[in-house]
Structure formats: C-alpha cells, structure tokens
Amino acid sequence: MDLGLRGKRALITGGTKGIGRSVAEHFAAEGADVAICARNAAEVATAVVALAQHGVRATGRAVDVSDGPALGAWVRDVTEEFGGLDILVSNVSALAIGQDEPSWRAEFEIDMMGTVHAVDAAIPALEVSGAGAIVVISSVSGREVDFAAGPYGVFKAALIHYAKGLSYQLAAKGIRVNALSPGNTYFEGGVWEKIERDKPEFYREALALNPTGRMGKPEEMARAVVFLASPAASFITGTNLVVDGALTRGVQF
C-alpha cells in the first residue's frame, strides 16, 4: 500500500530513541521530510545524520518540550525551513509514576502542555497543508488502572480526551487528530530494559500479563503512527488506536 507520504513534512517530538526514533525512521523511509527534537543535542545530531540517509530532508534541535516558548519557536522554524508542515507527532513523556508533587508537575508540563504547545504552534501550517494530521502518543495506562496509576496514567488519559476534542474542533479545517496507546514497549535504553535489569521480578510479572508472551517493539508502534498520520487513513480521525498485543482487557467502544 502506498501511504502517500512522499514529499510530506513530519515533525516528531522526542525523536532520538525508542518509539519516537522509529516513527521518524519510518516516515523517512516513506519519503517524508522529518524534523525531530530531544534534550540531548549530540543525540539529535546523530539521529539527523542517520535520517538523512533515506534521501530526505532531516533536521533537529535540542528542545525541552516543557519550555513552551522554545518548543513553539522550534515548530515555527521547522515550518519555515520545510516550507510548510503536514504532520505532527507528539511523543515526549516524563514517564513520572511517583505520587509526589514534582511527578504531577512533570507530567503536566511535559506530557500535557508539551503536546498543547506543539499543537498550537503547528495548527496554522497544518490548516493549509491539505493533508494535516496530528498523532498524540498516549498509553494503555490512560485506559486502565495499572502500576502507573497516578500522574502518568492521569495525563495519558487526558491526552486521549484532548485528541478526541481536537478531532472535532479541527475537522472543518482539514486536520485529522488521533491518539495511539502503546502497550509495554521494550527497546535498548528504555524503561523496560532498566526494569529488567534492576527489578527482574517485577519485569517478569509485567511480561506475564501479556498473552503474546512478549512486549512490543518500537517499530510495531511506529507503523501504526505512520499509518494514522498518512493520507491512506484520510477518514480516520478521533480514534484511539491501542497497540498492545492484547495486554489490556477493557472493551473500547
């Protein structure tokens, strides 16, 4: 299937590792120009070089998404550099599962407001794209109560609601908005690798919850994101796509 992404311009927050990096790689492989950000400038530079190997325009910047003005400025700079913007993927998460006030503030500033600020800055360009699409990365923890109940789960749930509301508000402007809720996703340097090393019993318990007998891979999440953002999904908006290998048991209506 031709996803219709060649020549499109995609911006991904948190694009140097894990799901975000795989999303950027898959967009580039489809012929889309890609822009990524992360807090580590060296990692951004390395990722940009790799993405450019696909023969597309690739750019990146060290940005802390909790800094709203800096994030907005970067989105606008990418739009100017690319001559427009077609796709926004909001991916960064604080991964804060503590019950203390700093965890609540981190989730609000990074997951929630980091998404809001990116969306607000991108909307003017997406309106004139002709194929404007937003994908918000949430989590299965936003659908069900699990070990991440608290700030992480609460704001992941809020992101699903935010995406649904946006889908209605922006439909007339030709912008589609969807959420993607990954299940536990394992990758080198990721949270589950650290848990496997530092809390092996908890890791085994988490792994046993999935009837497939394994955790997801970044590329399995990325393929779903890229499809949702592509013109091939032109009549899909307002959905929350769960990619979890049957981990969750709740029925989603």
Protein backbone atom coordinates (compact mmCIF):
# COMPACT_ATOMS: atom_id res chain seq x y z
CA MET A 1 0.00 0.00 0.00
CA ASP A 2 1.25 3.46 -0.90
CA LEU A 3 0.70 5.59 2.18
CA GLY A 4 1.03 8.79 0.18
CA LEU A 5 3.77 10.21 2.39
CA ARG A 6 6.43 11.03 -0.19
CA GLY A 7 7.20 14.72 0.00
CA LYS A 8 5.17 15.24 3.15
CA ARG A 9 6.76 17.07 6.11
CA ALA A 10 6.60 15.48 9.56
CA LEU A 11 7.67 16.81 12.95
CA ILE A 12 8.22 14.41 15.86
CA THR A 13 8.97 15.43 19.43
CA GLY A 14 11.32 13.04 21.18
CA GLY A 15 12.81 11.51 18.06
CA THR A 16 16.21 10.19 19.11
CA LYS A 17 15.30 6.85 20.68
CA GLY A 18 12.53 4.34 21.23
CA ILE A 19 9.15 4.86 19.63
CA GLY A 20 9.89 8.42 18.50
CA ARG A 21 13.07 7.45 16.70
CA SER A 22 11.33 4.55 14.99
CA VAL A 23 8.48 6.84 13.93
CA ALA A 24 10.98 9.25 12.37
CA GLU A 25 12.78 6.40 10.60
CA HIS A 26 9.54 5.05 9.16
CA PHE A 27 8.44 8.47 7.92
CA ALA A 28 11.83 8.97 6.28
CA ALA A 29 11.68 5.52 4.69
CA GLU A 30 8.32 6.51 3.17
CA GLY A 31 9.92 9.60 1.63
CA ALA A 32 8.74 12.21 4.12
CA ASP A 33 10.98 15.01 5.36
CA VAL A 34 11.44 14.76 9.12
CA ALA A 35 12.20 17.09 11.99
CA ILE A 36 12.97 15.79 15.47
CA CYS A 37 13.80 17.21 18.85
CA ALA A 38 15.12 15.91 22.16
CA ARG A 39 17.01 17.42 25.09
CA ASN A 40 20.40 15.93 24.16
CA ALA A 41 21.95 17.93 21.30
CA ALA A 42 24.55 15.29 20.44
CA GLU A 43 21.91 12.57 20.17
CA VAL A 44 19.76 14.83 17.99
CA ALA A 45 22.69 15.49 15.64
CA THR A 46 23.47 11.78 15.34
CA ALA A 47 19.84 10.91 14.63
CA VAL A 48 19.52 13.64 11.99
CA VAL A 49 22.52 12.27 10.09
CA ALA A 50 21.00 8.77 10.13
CA LEU A 51 17.59 10.01 8.99
CA ALA A 52 19.10 11.94 6.10
CA GLN A 53 20.49 8.66 4.74
CA HIS A 54 16.98 7.93 3.48
CA GLY A 55 17.42 10.73 0.95
CA VAL A 56 15.02 13.13 2.63
CA ARG A 57 15.45 16.44 4.37
CA ALA A 58 16.15 15.91 8.06
CA THR A 59 16.60 18.50 10.75
CA GLY A 60 16.62 18.61 14.53
CA ARG A 61 17.21 20.72 17.59
CA ALA A 62 17.81 20.27 21.30
CA VAL A 63 14.49 21.32 22.84
CA ASP A 64 12.94 20.73 26.24
CA VAL A 65 9.23 20.41 25.46
CA SER A 66 8.31 21.72 28.91
CA ASP A 67 9.61 25.09 27.68
CA GLY A 68 6.55 26.25 25.76
CA PRO A 69 8.11 29.29 24.02
CA ALA A 70 11.16 27.30 22.92
CA LEU A 71 9.01 24.45 21.62
CA GLY A 72 6.72 26.80 19.73
CA ALA A 73 9.68 28.63 18.20
CA TRP A 74 11.16 25.34 17.00
CA VAL A 75 7.90 24.22 15.41
CA ARG A 76 7.63 27.53 13.56
CA ASP A 77 11.29 27.38 12.50
CA VAL A 78 10.82 23.88 11.08
CA THR A 79 7.73 25.06 9.21
CA GLU A 80 9.72 27.88 7.67
CA GLU A 81 12.67 25.62 6.83
CA PHE A 82 10.46 22.97 5.20
CA GLY A 83 8.13 25.46 3.55
CA GLY A 84 5.16 24.05 5.48
CA LEU A 85 4.17 21.20 7.75
CA ASP A 86 1.82 18.27 7.20
CA ILE A 87 2.21 16.03 10.25
CA LEU A 88 2.81 16.49 13.96
CA VAL A 89 3.56 13.57 16.28
CA SER A 90 3.67 14.50 19.97
CA ASN A 91 5.66 11.73 21.60
CA VAL A 92 7.65 13.01 24.59
CA SER A 93 6.73 11.78 28.07
CA ALA A 94 8.07 12.50 31.54
CA LEU A 95 7.39 8.84 32.50
CA ALA A 96 6.69 10.07 36.01
CA ILE A 97 4.97 7.41 38.09
CA GLY A 98 5.73 8.80 41.53
CA GLN A 99 2.93 10.14 43.70
CA ASP A 100 4.78 13.30 44.73
CA GLU A 101 4.09 16.83 43.54
CA PRO A 102 7.16 17.01 41.26
CA SER A 103 5.87 13.94 39.38
CA TRP A 104 2.46 15.55 38.89
CA ARG A 105 4.05 18.78 37.68
CA ALA A 106 6.42 16.95 35.32
CA GLU A 107 3.58 15.01 33.71
CA PHE A 108 1.52 18.17 33.31
CA GLU A 109 4.32 20.29 31.87
CA ILE A 110 5.87 17.63 29.60
CA ASP A 111 3.12 15.25 28.52
CA MET A 112 0.12 17.57 28.60
CA MET A 113 1.40 21.08 27.93
CA GLY A 114 4.25 19.85 25.74
CA THR A 115 1.55 18.45 23.46
CA VAL A 116 -0.69 21.52 23.70
CA HIS A 117 2.14 23.92 22.88
CA ALA A 118 3.29 21.84 19.92
CA VAL A 119 -0.25 21.59 18.56
CA ASP A 120 -0.92 25.31 18.97
CA ALA A 121 2.27 26.18 17.09
CA ALA A 122 1.62 23.67 14.31
CA ILE A 123 -2.06 24.38 13.57
CA PRO A 124 -1.53 27.39 11.23
CA ALA A 125 0.69 25.29 8.95
CA LEU A 126 -1.46 22.16 9.20
CA GLU A 127 -4.54 24.17 8.18
CA VAL A 128 -3.05 24.93 4.77
CA SER A 129 -1.39 21.55 4.29
CA GLY A 130 -4.26 19.79 2.57
CA ALA A 131 -3.28 16.64 4.47
CA GLY A 132 -2.85 17.91 8.03
CA ALA A 133 -2.58 15.22 10.67
CA ILE A 134 -1.76 15.07 14.37
CA VAL A 135 -0.95 11.90 16.29
CA VAL A 136 -0.74 12.11 20.08
CA ILE A 137 1.15 9.30 21.80
CA SER A 138 -0.77 8.22 24.88
CA SER A 139 -0.53 4.84 26.63
CA VAL A 140 -2.60 1.85 27.72
CA SER A 141 -2.08 3.33 31.20
CA GLY A 142 -4.51 6.04 30.12
CA ARG A 143 -7.23 3.41 29.56
CA GLU A 144 -6.79 1.08 32.51
CA VAL A 145 -5.55 1.28 36.07
CA ASP A 146 -2.14 -0.36 36.27
CA PHE A 147 1.17 0.14 38.08
CA ALA A 148 1.45 3.60 36.51
CA ALA A 149 -1.80 4.85 38.05
CA GLY A 150 -1.22 8.39 39.25
CA PRO A 151 0.33 11.26 37.31
CA TYR A 152 1.41 9.18 34.31
CA GLY A 153 -1.92 7.42 33.85
CA VAL A 154 -3.98 10.52 34.54
CA PHE A 155 -2.26 12.67 31.94
CA LYS A 156 -2.14 9.88 29.37
CA ALA A 157 -5.91 9.65 29.77
CA ALA A 158 -6.14 13.43 29.42
CA LEU A 159 -4.22 13.25 26.14
CA ILE A 160 -6.76 10.81 24.70
CA HIS A 161 -9.56 13.21 25.63
CA TYR A 162 -7.59 16.14 24.23
CA ALA A 163 -7.04 14.37 20.91
CA LYS A 164 -10.72 13.45 20.64
CA GLY A 165 -11.77 17.02 21.31
CA LEU A 166 -9.30 18.36 18.77
CA SER A 167 -10.54 15.93 16.13
CA TYR A 168 -13.99 17.51 16.34
CA GLN A 169 -12.74 21.08 16.59
CA LEU A 170 -10.29 20.80 13.69
CA ALA A 171 -12.22 18.57 11.28
CA ALA A 172 -13.62 21.51 9.33
CA LYS A 173 -10.09 22.84 8.93
CA GLY A 174 -8.97 19.63 7.25
CA ILE A 175 -6.82 18.44 10.15
CA ARG A 176 -7.20 14.89 11.42
CA VAL A 177 -6.29 14.08 15.04
CA ASN A 178 -5.80 10.62 16.52
CA ALA A 179 -4.21 9.10 19.60
CA LEU A 180 -2.08 5.99 19.78
CA SER A 181 -1.87 3.98 23.01
CA PRO A 182 1.12 1.65 23.07
CA GLY A 183 1.39 -1.26 25.44
CA ASN A 184 4.65 -2.08 27.20
CA THR A 185 7.39 -1.44 24.65
CA TYR A 186 10.90 -2.82 25.04
CA PHE A 187 13.97 -1.23 23.49
CA GLU A 188 17.63 -0.74 24.34
CA GLY A 189 18.00 2.11 26.81
CA GLY A 190 14.28 2.17 27.51
CA VAL A 191 12.43 1.93 30.79
CA TRP A 192 11.66 -1.78 30.44
CA GLU A 193 15.30 -2.67 29.84
CA LYS A 194 16.14 -0.82 33.06
CA ILE A 195 13.37 -2.59 34.95
CA GLU A 196 14.52 -5.93 33.59
CA ARG A 197 18.00 -5.20 34.95
CA ASP A 198 17.11 -3.55 38.26
CA LYS A 199 13.77 -5.19 39.15
CA PRO A 200 13.76 -8.58 37.45
CA GLU A 201 10.83 -9.96 39.45
CA PHE A 202 8.62 -7.00 38.54
CA TYR A 203 9.72 -7.33 34.91
CA ARG A 204 8.70 -10.99 34.84
CA GLU A 205 5.34 -10.12 36.37
CA ALA A 206 4.73 -7.44 33.74
CA LEU A 207 5.78 -9.75 30.93
CA ALA A 208 3.43 -12.48 32.17
CA LEU A 209 0.44 -10.12 31.82
CA ASN A 210 0.67 -10.17 28.04
CA PRO A 211 -0.84 -13.27 26.41
CA THR A 212 1.57 -12.94 23.49
CA GLY A 213 4.42 -13.67 25.89
CA ARG A 214 6.41 -10.60 24.93
CA MET A 215 6.45 -6.82 24.92
CA GLY A 216 6.01 -4.62 21.90
CA LYS A 217 8.78 -3.27 19.71
CA PRO A 218 9.20 0.41 18.75
CA GLU A 219 8.71 -0.40 15.07
CA GLU A 220 5.35 -2.01 15.82
CA MET A 221 4.16 1.22 17.38
CA ALA A 222 5.77 3.33 14.67
CA ARG A 223 3.98 1.57 11.81
CA ALA A 224 0.65 2.36 13.44
CA VAL A 225 1.59 6.02 13.97
CA VAL A 226 2.76 6.46 10.40
CA PHE A 227 -0.41 4.90 9.02
CA LEU A 228 -2.67 7.09 11.18
CA ALA A 229 -0.77 10.19 10.04
CA SER A 230 -0.78 9.25 6.38
CA PRO A 231 -3.27 10.17 3.63
CA ALA A 232 -4.09 6.45 3.48
CA ALA A 233 -6.01 7.00 6.75
CA SER A 234 -7.87 10.00 5.33
CA PHE A 235 -11.22 9.22 7.03
CA ILE A 236 -9.81 8.16 10.39
CA THR A 237 -9.95 10.91 12.97
CA GLY A 238 -10.88 11.00 16.64
CA THR A 239 -9.79 7.43 17.34
CA ASN A 240 -7.51 5.99 20.00
CA LEU A 241 -5.63 3.10 18.45
CA VAL A 242 -4.43 0.59 21.04
CA VAL A 243 -1.33 -1.38 20.04
CA ASP A 244 -0.66 -3.71 22.95
CA GLY A 245 -0.69 -7.36 21.89
CA ALA A 246 -3.92 -7.98 23.88
CA LEU A 247 -2.36 -6.69 27.12
CA THR A 248 -5.43 -4.68 28.11
CA ARG A 249 -8.78 -6.35 28.68
CA GLY A 250 -11.16 -3.42 28.64
CA VAL A 251 -13.58 -3.19 25.72
CA GLN A 252 -13.10 0.07 23.84
CA PHE A 253 -16.34 1.40 22.36
